[in-house]
């Protein structure tokens, strides 16, 4: 049985500018398993007639007018769900000159301290042009987006003489703006990765962007990669490939269409818990979240004889398990949890989640080789920490390291179990395969229910 992949956007439509009478095409591409069955397009939230997008993934508008200006987005639908693209803005003007006629803006620079002006300050007005996209006189190349981008740039400048105490300065002042070709649109994302508590750098770690390897960190934890201008989100996964002291984590970086140049990210990873030794031929129950005199939140039950190696062969012997919980009762822990605590609902809208904890389990054999678990494990949550009359509100979610969003992978039910000291406790129990995901999240949709302890704020 193939793994279900909920729909995800591979390529968002890009904002465009046009002069009345021209044509424009917006493009959208999504993927999933089962495959995308059909696309829909909306303008300002209203569904457009299908005749405008006979191919589905491309929307073409002909002979546009100013009334066509607005926000456009697509929705990709599959048998298991839907997803919306980011919106793209269409701006239509009557003629080319209108795009930059209001682009001029005030901008002041600081002069040397002995260049005091009439207003008693050292600030001098030099003018500038707002960062606005415009329609170039050259024809665009590329159906789904311009190969060259045009923006409002200074079209007229003049030198002015500024009097200082005993000398003069020549200052270049912008007096007008017009449309011209922008500089390169690539965005550089760079930063540093360190351990949350130890500060140790992620040394020679593997960096994945949207599921694909793009390089490694330096010995001091530095990384750098580029994405095209217009990119709306980047799922970056960081793996401690060599030293295995920091947990593999996926973080979602969100951008907007105006983002340009360089973007710096400081990322903290949780240190991996010291491994415990378990045997492959017995059932293993592992408690998590019992630090700092707090009761355990979660138990994970791994069936006997369920371990496999990287080739899928059954493994027997000693297993070393690093069992980690991003605990919502610990604000430092939950602040560096994988993903963004968001999911895409059945209608394709991104919604928020509230968590009981995120589980990451790393398994190796005695030689340090990676292991995994075939089949399902059982996850138990102490029902005493959850206020709900319906355990089905609590779900199990797997992290999609391509999108950085969570996907529902399992349901939970109420169970009753006798524990030590003859204490009778209720548990919310579910089962899930952990082999396909780097992290499992025990969560519920925002606002459905609440925990009986605070993890960020209590109301």
Protein backbone atom coordinates (compact mmCIF):
# COMPACT_ATOMS: atom_id res chain seq x y z
CA UNK A 1 0.00 0.00 0.00
CA UNK A 2 1.45 3.36 -1.03
CA UNK A 3 1.71 6.19 1.49
CA UNK A 4 -1.01 8.87 1.23
CA UNK A 5 0.37 12.33 0.48
CA UNK A 6 -2.00 15.21 1.09
CA UNK A 7 -2.01 17.86 -1.66
CA UNK A 8 0.84 20.36 -1.48
CA UNK A 9 1.71 23.34 -3.68
CA UNK A 10 4.85 22.90 -5.78
CA UNK A 11 4.63 26.22 -7.63
CA UNK A 12 2.60 29.28 -6.63
CA UNK A 13 1.20 31.79 -9.14
CA UNK A 14 3.30 34.95 -9.38
CA UNK A 15 2.06 38.52 -9.17
CA UNK A 16 1.85 40.25 -12.56
CA UNK A 17 1.38 43.74 -13.98
CA UNK A 18 -0.34 44.60 -17.24
CA UNK A 19 -1.48 47.52 -19.38
CA UNK A 20 -5.12 47.47 -20.53
CA UNK A 21 -5.68 45.27 -23.58
CA UNK A 22 -2.88 42.80 -22.82
CA UNK A 23 -3.18 39.13 -21.85
CA UNK A 24 -1.89 37.45 -18.70
CA UNK A 25 -1.47 33.85 -17.48
CA UNK A 26 -1.21 32.61 -13.90
CA UNK A 27 0.25 29.14 -13.28
CA UNK A 28 -0.21 26.77 -10.35
CA UNK A 29 1.23 23.32 -9.76
CA UNK A 30 0.55 20.87 -6.93
CA UNK A 31 1.36 17.26 -6.10
CA UNK A 32 0.02 14.47 -3.90
CA UNK A 33 -0.84 10.80 -3.72
CA UNK A 34 -3.48 10.17 -5.05
CA UNK A 35 -2.67 12.65 -7.80
CA UNK A 36 -4.37 16.04 -8.13
CA UNK A 37 -7.74 15.47 -9.81
CA UNK A 38 -8.72 19.06 -10.64
CA UNK A 39 -7.87 22.73 -10.04
CA UNK A 40 -10.06 25.73 -9.26
CA UNK A 41 -9.22 29.45 -9.55
CA UNK A 42 -10.54 32.34 -7.46
CA UNK A 43 -10.39 36.11 -7.77
CA UNK A 44 -10.70 38.01 -4.47
CA UNK A 45 -12.18 34.82 -2.95
CA UNK A 46 -14.86 34.28 -5.64
CA UNK A 47 -14.73 31.17 -7.85
CA UNK A 48 -14.02 31.94 -11.52
CA UNK A 49 -15.71 30.34 -14.49
CA UNK A 50 -13.99 27.12 -15.61
CA UNK A 51 -13.81 28.40 -19.19
CA UNK A 52 -10.95 30.66 -18.12
CA UNK A 53 -8.78 27.68 -17.13
CA UNK A 54 -9.54 24.72 -19.44
CA UNK A 55 -6.14 23.17 -18.57
CA UNK A 56 -6.89 23.52 -14.87
CA UNK A 57 -3.51 24.54 -13.59
CA UNK A 58 -3.18 27.63 -15.86
CA UNK A 59 -5.51 30.63 -15.69
CA UNK A 60 -5.46 32.91 -18.74
CA UNK A 61 -7.15 36.31 -18.92
CA UNK A 62 -7.35 38.06 -22.30
CA UNK A 63 -7.74 41.75 -23.13
CA UNK A 64 -7.55 42.72 -19.46
CA UNK A 65 -9.02 45.92 -18.04
CA UNK A 66 -8.50 47.72 -14.75
CA UNK A 67 -11.50 45.80 -13.33
CA UNK A 68 -9.42 42.60 -13.61
CA UNK A 69 -7.01 43.92 -10.97
CA UNK A 70 -7.16 41.88 -7.78
CA UNK A 71 -5.85 38.81 -5.94
CA UNK A 72 -5.86 35.44 -7.71
CA UNK A 73 -5.18 32.02 -6.23
CA UNK A 74 -5.74 28.40 -7.14
CA UNK A 75 -7.04 25.44 -5.16
CA UNK A 76 -5.73 21.98 -6.02
CA UNK A 77 -8.08 19.12 -5.16
CA UNK A 78 -7.43 15.40 -4.75
CA UNK A 79 -9.54 12.51 -3.40
CA UNK A 80 -7.95 12.98 0.06
CA UNK A 81 -7.98 16.77 0.44
CA UNK A 82 -7.25 20.18 -1.03
CA UNK A 83 -4.72 22.99 -0.75
CA UNK A 84 -4.72 26.68 -1.66
CA UNK A 85 -1.83 28.45 -3.33
CA UNK A 86 -0.50 31.75 -2.06
CA UNK A 87 -2.36 34.68 -3.64
CA UNK A 88 -0.92 36.53 -6.63
CA UNK A 89 -1.73 40.18 -7.32
CA UNK A 90 -2.71 41.42 -10.77
CA UNK A 91 -2.30 45.17 -11.29
CA UNK A 92 -3.75 46.65 -14.49
CA UNK A 93 -3.12 50.29 -15.50
CA UNK A 94 -4.38 52.32 -18.42
CA UNK A 95 -0.85 53.04 -19.68
CA UNK A 96 2.80 52.39 -18.78
CA UNK A 97 3.44 55.76 -17.16
CA UNK A 98 0.82 55.21 -14.45
CA UNK A 99 2.80 52.49 -12.69
CA UNK A 100 5.47 54.82 -11.34
CA UNK A 101 3.78 58.20 -11.32
CA UNK A 102 3.26 57.99 -7.53
CA UNK A 103 6.47 56.07 -6.75
CA UNK A 104 8.52 59.06 -5.58
CA UNK A 105 8.93 59.11 -1.79
CA UNK A 106 10.80 61.18 0.74
CA UNK A 107 14.09 59.79 1.99
CA UNK A 108 16.67 61.47 4.20
CA UNK A 109 20.34 60.70 4.81
CA UNK A 110 22.53 61.65 7.76
CA UNK A 111 25.29 64.14 7.01
CA UNK A 112 28.50 64.60 9.03
CA UNK A 113 27.99 66.29 12.40
CA UNK A 114 29.41 69.62 11.15
CA UNK A 115 26.89 69.83 8.28
CA UNK A 116 23.95 71.23 10.24
CA UNK A 117 20.99 72.24 8.06
CA UNK A 118 18.45 75.04 8.36
CA UNK A 119 16.14 72.87 10.51
CA UNK A 120 18.93 72.36 13.07
CA UNK A 121 19.58 68.70 12.15
CA UNK A 122 22.13 66.90 9.99
CA UNK A 123 19.40 65.17 7.95
CA UNK A 124 19.19 65.97 4.22
CA UNK A 125 16.37 65.08 1.82
CA UNK A 126 17.63 63.03 -1.15
CA UNK A 127 14.39 61.38 -2.30
CA UNK A 128 13.90 57.87 -3.62
CA UNK A 129 11.53 55.50 -5.40
CA UNK A 130 9.16 53.07 -3.68
CA UNK A 131 9.72 49.38 -4.36
CA UNK A 132 6.84 48.95 -6.82
CA UNK A 133 6.55 46.51 -9.69
CA UNK A 134 5.82 48.07 -13.07
CA UNK A 135 5.22 47.02 -16.68
CA UNK A 136 8.39 47.28 -18.72
CA UNK A 137 8.32 48.36 -22.32
CA UNK A 138 10.09 45.12 -23.32
CA UNK A 139 7.87 42.11 -23.88
CA UNK A 140 7.96 39.47 -21.17
CA UNK A 141 9.45 36.06 -21.72
CA UNK A 142 7.96 33.07 -19.94
CA UNK A 143 4.34 32.03 -19.74
CA UNK A 144 4.11 31.61 -15.96
CA UNK A 145 6.17 34.60 -14.94
CA UNK A 146 8.57 37.20 -16.31
CA UNK A 147 12.15 36.16 -16.95
CA UNK A 148 12.98 39.80 -16.26
CA UNK A 149 11.32 41.89 -13.57
CA UNK A 150 10.73 45.63 -13.77
CA UNK A 151 10.35 48.08 -10.91
CA UNK A 152 10.22 51.81 -10.30
CA UNK A 153 13.74 53.24 -10.33
CA UNK A 154 15.20 56.76 -10.25
CA UNK A 155 14.78 58.28 -13.71
CA UNK A 156 16.20 61.73 -13.01
CA UNK A 157 18.81 62.79 -10.47
CA UNK A 158 20.83 65.92 -9.85
CA UNK A 159 23.86 66.90 -7.79
CA UNK A 160 23.37 69.46 -5.05
CA UNK A 161 25.96 71.26 -2.98
CA UNK A 162 25.65 71.05 0.79
CA UNK A 163 27.50 73.58 2.95
CA UNK A 164 29.30 72.28 6.01
CA UNK A 165 31.48 74.20 8.50
CA UNK A 166 34.54 74.78 6.30
CA UNK A 167 33.88 72.61 3.23
CA UNK A 168 31.08 71.53 0.87
CA UNK A 169 29.63 68.13 -0.04
CA UNK A 170 28.13 67.02 -3.34
CA UNK A 171 24.93 65.02 -2.75
CA UNK A 172 23.00 63.09 -5.42
CA UNK A 173 19.26 63.77 -5.17
CA UNK A 174 16.49 61.78 -6.89
CA UNK A 175 13.88 63.99 -8.57
CA UNK A 176 11.78 61.48 -10.55
CA UNK A 177 10.94 57.79 -11.01
CA UNK A 178 10.18 55.59 -13.99
CA UNK A 179 10.06 51.89 -14.90
CA UNK A 180 13.31 49.98 -15.35
CA UNK A 181 14.74 46.48 -15.04
CA UNK A 182 15.28 45.35 -11.44
CA UNK A 183 18.44 43.70 -10.19
CA UNK A 184 18.72 39.92 -9.75
CA UNK A 185 15.78 38.46 -7.86
CA UNK A 186 17.45 35.57 -6.03
CA UNK A 187 17.06 35.58 -2.24
CA UNK A 188 19.93 34.31 -0.12
CA UNK A 189 18.90 32.57 3.10
CA UNK A 190 21.76 32.14 5.53
CA UNK A 191 22.19 31.56 9.21
CA UNK A 192 23.66 29.48 12.00
CA UNK A 193 22.49 26.34 13.81
CA UNK A 194 23.32 25.58 17.45
CA UNK A 195 22.12 23.33 20.25
CA UNK A 196 19.33 24.78 22.39
CA UNK A 197 20.98 24.17 25.76
CA UNK A 198 24.67 23.56 25.01
CA UNK A 199 25.14 26.08 22.20
CA UNK A 200 27.19 23.46 20.32
CA UNK A 201 27.25 24.11 16.58
CA UNK A 202 25.67 21.75 14.05
CA UNK A 203 28.97 20.66 12.54
CA UNK A 204 29.01 19.35 8.95
CA UNK A 205 25.24 18.81 9.17
CA UNK A 206 23.14 18.08 6.10
CA UNK A 207 20.80 20.88 4.93
CA UNK A 208 17.64 19.92 3.04
CA UNK A 209 15.36 22.45 1.34
CA UNK A 210 11.83 21.23 0.60
CA UNK A 211 13.06 17.65 0.95
CA UNK A 212 16.16 17.93 -1.29
CA UNK A 213 19.75 18.14 -0.05
CA UNK A 214 21.42 21.49 -0.88
CA UNK A 215 24.66 21.25 1.10
CA UNK A 216 26.17 21.06 4.57
CA UNK A 217 26.77 23.40 7.46
CA UNK A 218 30.28 24.56 8.27
CA UNK A 219 32.18 23.44 11.35
CA UNK A 220 30.74 26.48 13.15
CA UNK A 221 27.16 25.69 12.07
CA UNK A 222 26.82 28.25 9.26
CA UNK A 223 24.66 27.56 6.20
CA UNK A 224 23.64 29.43 3.06
CA UNK A 225 21.44 28.72 0.04
CA UNK A 226 19.42 30.70 -2.51
CA UNK A 227 15.79 30.57 -3.60
CA UNK A 228 14.08 32.47 -6.45
CA UNK A 229 12.41 35.80 -5.75
CA UNK A 230 8.70 35.23 -5.19
CA UNK A 231 9.22 32.09 -3.11
CA UNK A 232 6.56 32.10 -0.37
CA UNK A 233 7.80 29.40 1.99
CA UNK A 234 10.84 27.20 2.50
CA UNK A 235 10.90 23.99 4.55
CA UNK A 236 14.48 23.61 5.78
CA UNK A 237 15.49 20.32 7.42
CA UNK A 238 18.72 20.15 9.42
CA UNK A 239 20.28 16.75 10.17
CA UNK A 240 23.22 16.04 12.48
CA UNK A 241 24.53 13.44 10.04
CA UNK A 242 27.94 12.75 11.56
CA UNK A 243 27.88 13.41 15.31
CA UNK A 244 24.22 12.59 16.11
CA UNK A 245 24.14 14.96 19.10
CA UNK A 246 21.32 17.25 17.83
CA UNK A 247 17.84 16.19 16.73
CA UNK A 248 16.88 16.31 13.07
CA UNK A 249 14.39 19.17 12.77
CA UNK A 250 12.34 20.75 9.99
CA UNK A 251 11.56 24.48 10.25
CA UNK A 252 9.21 26.47 8.02
CA UNK A 253 10.49 29.86 6.82
CA UNK A 254 7.79 32.12 5.39
CA UNK A 255 8.51 34.90 2.88
CA UNK A 256 6.47 37.38 0.89
CA UNK A 257 6.82 38.67 -2.65
CA UNK A 258 8.67 41.77 -1.49
CA UNK A 259 11.42 39.76 0.22
CA UNK A 260 14.76 40.35 -1.48
CA UNK A 261 18.48 40.29 -0.84
CA UNK A 262 19.55 38.30 2.23
CA UNK A 263 17.51 36.76 5.02
CA UNK A 264 19.26 35.63 8.23
CA UNK A 265 17.96 32.80 10.40
CA UNK A 266 19.22 31.78 13.85
CA UNK A 267 18.04 28.21 14.46
CA UNK A 268 18.25 26.20 17.68
CA UNK A 269 18.00 22.40 17.72
CA UNK A 270 17.18 20.30 20.74
CA UNK A 271 19.99 18.07 21.97
CA UNK A 272 19.26 14.36 21.48
CA UNK A 273 18.43 12.52 24.70
CA UNK A 274 21.03 9.93 25.83
CA UNK A 275 20.05 6.57 24.29
CA UNK A 276 18.45 3.85 26.37
CA UNK A 277 19.08 0.18 25.64
CA UNK A 278 16.13 -2.03 24.72
CA UNK A 279 15.79 -5.53 23.29
CA UNK A 280 14.24 -6.12 19.89
CA UNK A 281 12.39 -9.32 20.86
CA UNK A 282 10.16 -7.93 23.63
CA UNK A 283 7.46 -5.28 23.85
CA UNK A 284 9.02 -1.97 24.93
CA UNK A 285 7.06 0.76 26.71
CA UNK A 286 8.84 4.11 26.84
CA UNK A 287 7.61 7.01 28.99
CA UNK A 288 8.27 10.61 27.94
CA UNK A 289 7.80 14.01 29.52
CA UNK A 290 8.64 13.12 33.12
CA UNK A 291 11.42 15.66 33.62
CA UNK A 292 11.57 18.29 36.37
CA UNK A 293 9.25 16.32 38.69
CA UNK A 294 6.41 16.55 36.18
CA UNK A 295 4.34 13.43 35.41
CA UNK A 296 4.89 11.60 32.15
CA UNK A 297 2.68 12.94 29.36
CA UNK A 298 3.13 10.22 26.74
CA UNK A 299 3.96 6.55 26.49
CA UNK A 300 5.12 4.87 23.28
CA UNK A 301 4.71 1.10 22.99
CA UNK A 302 6.88 -0.66 20.38
CA UNK A 303 5.79 -4.24 19.53
CA UNK A 304 8.33 -7.09 19.73
CA UNK A 305 10.24 -8.18 16.62
CA UNK A 306 9.31 -5.01 14.71
CA UNK A 307 12.74 -3.45 14.07
CA UNK A 308 14.20 -3.29 10.56
CA UNK A 309 17.49 -2.03 9.12
CA UNK A 310 17.95 0.51 6.33
CA UNK A 311 17.42 -2.22 3.72
CA UNK A 312 14.10 -3.30 5.25
CA UNK A 313 15.49 -6.54 6.72
CA UNK A 314 14.29 -7.73 10.12
CA UNK A 315 16.75 -6.84 12.90
CA UNK A 316 17.25 -8.83 16.11
CA UNK A 317 19.48 -7.78 18.96
CA UNK A 318 20.18 -4.78 21.14
CA UNK A 319 18.59 -1.45 20.13
CA UNK A 320 19.75 1.96 21.32
CA UNK A 321 16.83 4.38 21.38
CA UNK A 322 17.12 8.14 21.80
CA UNK A 323 13.58 9.05 22.87
CA UNK A 324 12.72 12.75 22.72
CA UNK A 325 9.64 14.79 23.54
CA UNK A 326 9.13 18.46 22.74
CA UNK A 327 7.06 19.09 25.87
CA UNK A 328 4.41 21.87 25.77
CA UNK A 329 4.92 22.40 29.53
CA UNK A 330 8.48 23.54 28.78
CA UNK A 331 8.41 26.76 26.73
CA UNK A 332 12.08 26.43 25.68
CA UNK A 333 11.46 22.93 24.42
CA UNK A 334 8.27 23.66 22.49
CA UNK A 335 9.74 26.83 20.97
CA UNK A 336 12.20 24.75 18.90
CA UNK A 337 9.77 21.98 17.95
CA UNK A 338 9.71 20.84 14.31
CA UNK A 339 7.25 22.33 11.83
CA UNK A 340 4.91 25.24 12.33
CA UNK A 341 1.93 23.71 14.22
CA UNK A 342 -0.23 24.23 11.14
CA UNK A 343 -2.11 21.87 8.81
CA UNK A 344 -4.17 22.13 5.64
CA UNK A 345 -7.85 21.29 6.16
CA UNK A 346 -10.19 19.49 3.76
CA UNK A 347 -11.04 22.78 2.03
CA UNK A 348 -7.38 23.64 1.47
CA UNK A 349 -7.17 26.31 4.18
CA UNK A 350 -4.18 26.44 6.55
CA UNK A 351 -5.34 26.05 10.17
CA UNK A 352 -3.59 26.10 13.56
CA UNK A 353 -2.92 23.19 15.92
CA UNK A 354 -2.44 22.95 19.68
CA UNK A 355 -0.08 20.25 20.88
CA UNK A 356 0.35 17.74 23.68
CA UNK A 357 3.89 17.12 22.51
CA UNK A 358 6.03 16.24 19.52
CA UNK A 359 7.81 12.86 19.55
CA UNK A 360 11.13 12.15 17.84
CA UNK A 361 12.67 8.69 18.24
CA UNK A 362 16.11 7.85 16.82
CA UNK A 363 16.97 4.14 16.70
CA UNK A 364 20.40 2.58 16.04
CA UNK A 365 21.97 -0.85 16.43
CA UNK A 366 25.09 -1.57 18.48
CA UNK A 367 27.29 -0.53 15.55
CA UNK A 368 25.57 2.84 15.14
CA UNK A 369 23.57 1.91 12.03
CA UNK A 370 20.12 3.44 11.64
CA UNK A 371 17.07 1.31 12.46
CA UNK A 372 13.36 1.82 11.93
CA UNK A 373 10.09 0.21 13.01
CA UNK A 374 7.96 -1.83 10.63
CA UNK A 375 4.24 -1.50 11.23
CA UNK A 376 2.59 0.63 13.88
CA UNK A 377 3.56 1.74 17.36
CA UNK A 378 1.00 2.58 20.06
CA UNK A 379 0.96 6.07 21.55
CA UNK A 380 -0.78 6.75 24.87
CA UNK A 381 -1.62 10.18 26.26
CA UNK A 382 -2.65 10.63 29.90
CA UNK A 383 -6.33 11.56 29.60
CA UNK A 384 -6.11 13.36 32.94
CA UNK A 385 -4.19 16.12 31.19
CA UNK A 386 -6.85 16.62 28.50
CA UNK A 387 -10.25 18.19 28.98
CA UNK A 388 -12.53 16.58 26.42
CA UNK A 389 -15.64 14.44 26.25
CA UNK A 390 -14.65 13.20 22.84
CA UNK A 391 -11.18 11.58 22.55
CA UNK A 392 -11.61 11.59 18.77
CA UNK A 393 -10.79 15.31 18.92
CA UNK A 394 -7.18 14.32 19.57
CA UNK A 395 -5.28 13.16 16.48
CA UNK A 396 -1.84 11.91 15.53
CA UNK A 397 0.00 14.00 12.95
CA UNK A 398 3.11 13.35 10.87
CA UNK A 399 5.46 16.10 9.71
CA UNK A 400 5.80 16.58 5.96
CA UNK A 401 9.41 17.72 5.55
CA UNK A 402 8.69 19.05 2.02
CA UNK A 403 6.01 21.53 3.12
CA UNK A 404 6.84 21.94 6.83
CA UNK A 405 3.15 21.31 7.64
CA UNK A 406 1.55 18.51 9.68
CA UNK A 407 -0.66 15.81 8.14
CA UNK A 408 -3.23 13.73 10.02
CA UNK A 409 -1.98 10.13 10.19
CA UNK A 410 -3.97 8.48 13.00
CA UNK A 411 -7.02 8.65 15.26
CA UNK A 412 -7.19 8.14 19.04
CA UNK A 413 -9.72 6.50 21.39
CA UNK A 414 -10.23 6.29 25.16
CA UNK A 415 -8.71 3.31 26.94
CA UNK A 416 -8.57 2.32 30.61
CA UNK A 417 -5.47 0.73 32.13
CA UNK A 418 -4.39 -0.30 35.62
CA UNK A 419 -1.11 1.25 36.64
CA UNK A 420 1.32 0.87 39.49
CA UNK A 421 0.14 1.43 43.07
CA UNK A 422 -3.29 0.12 41.95
CA UNK A 423 -3.99 3.49 40.41
CA UNK A 424 -6.64 3.40 37.69
CA UNK A 425 -5.89 5.88 34.92
CA UNK A 426 -7.47 6.68 31.60
CA UNK A 427 -5.44 7.03 28.44
CA UNK A 428 -6.19 8.36 24.98
CA UNK A 429 -4.63 5.76 22.70
CA UNK A 430 -3.76 5.61 19.01
CA UNK A 431 -1.47 3.73 16.67
CA UNK A 432 0.67 5.10 13.89
CA UNK A 433 3.54 4.15 11.60
CA UNK A 434 6.63 6.17 12.49
CA UNK A 435 8.81 4.92 9.63
CA UNK A 436 7.72 7.59 7.11
CA UNK A 437 8.03 10.65 9.36
CA UNK A 438 10.86 12.39 11.21
CA UNK A 439 8.41 13.54 13.92
CA UNK A 440 4.98 12.61 15.28
CA UNK A 441 2.73 15.26 16.83
CA UNK A 442 -0.08 14.55 19.31
CA UNK A 443 -2.40 17.42 18.57
CA UNK A 444 -5.86 18.82 18.09
CA UNK A 445 -7.33 21.57 16.00
CA UNK A 446 -7.05 24.97 17.63
CA UNK A 447 -9.98 25.81 19.88
CA UNK A 448 -11.44 22.27 20.03
CA UNK A 449 -10.27 21.48 23.59
CA UNK A 450 -7.60 22.41 26.05
CA UNK A 451 -4.90 20.94 28.26
CA UNK A 452 -5.16 21.09 32.04
CA UNK A 453 -1.78 22.79 32.30
CA UNK A 454 -0.37 25.91 30.68
CA UNK A 455 2.30 25.76 28.02
CA UNK A 456 2.43 29.33 26.74
CA UNK A 457 -0.42 31.15 28.43
CA UNK A 458 -3.54 30.24 30.37
CA UNK A 459 -6.93 31.82 29.99
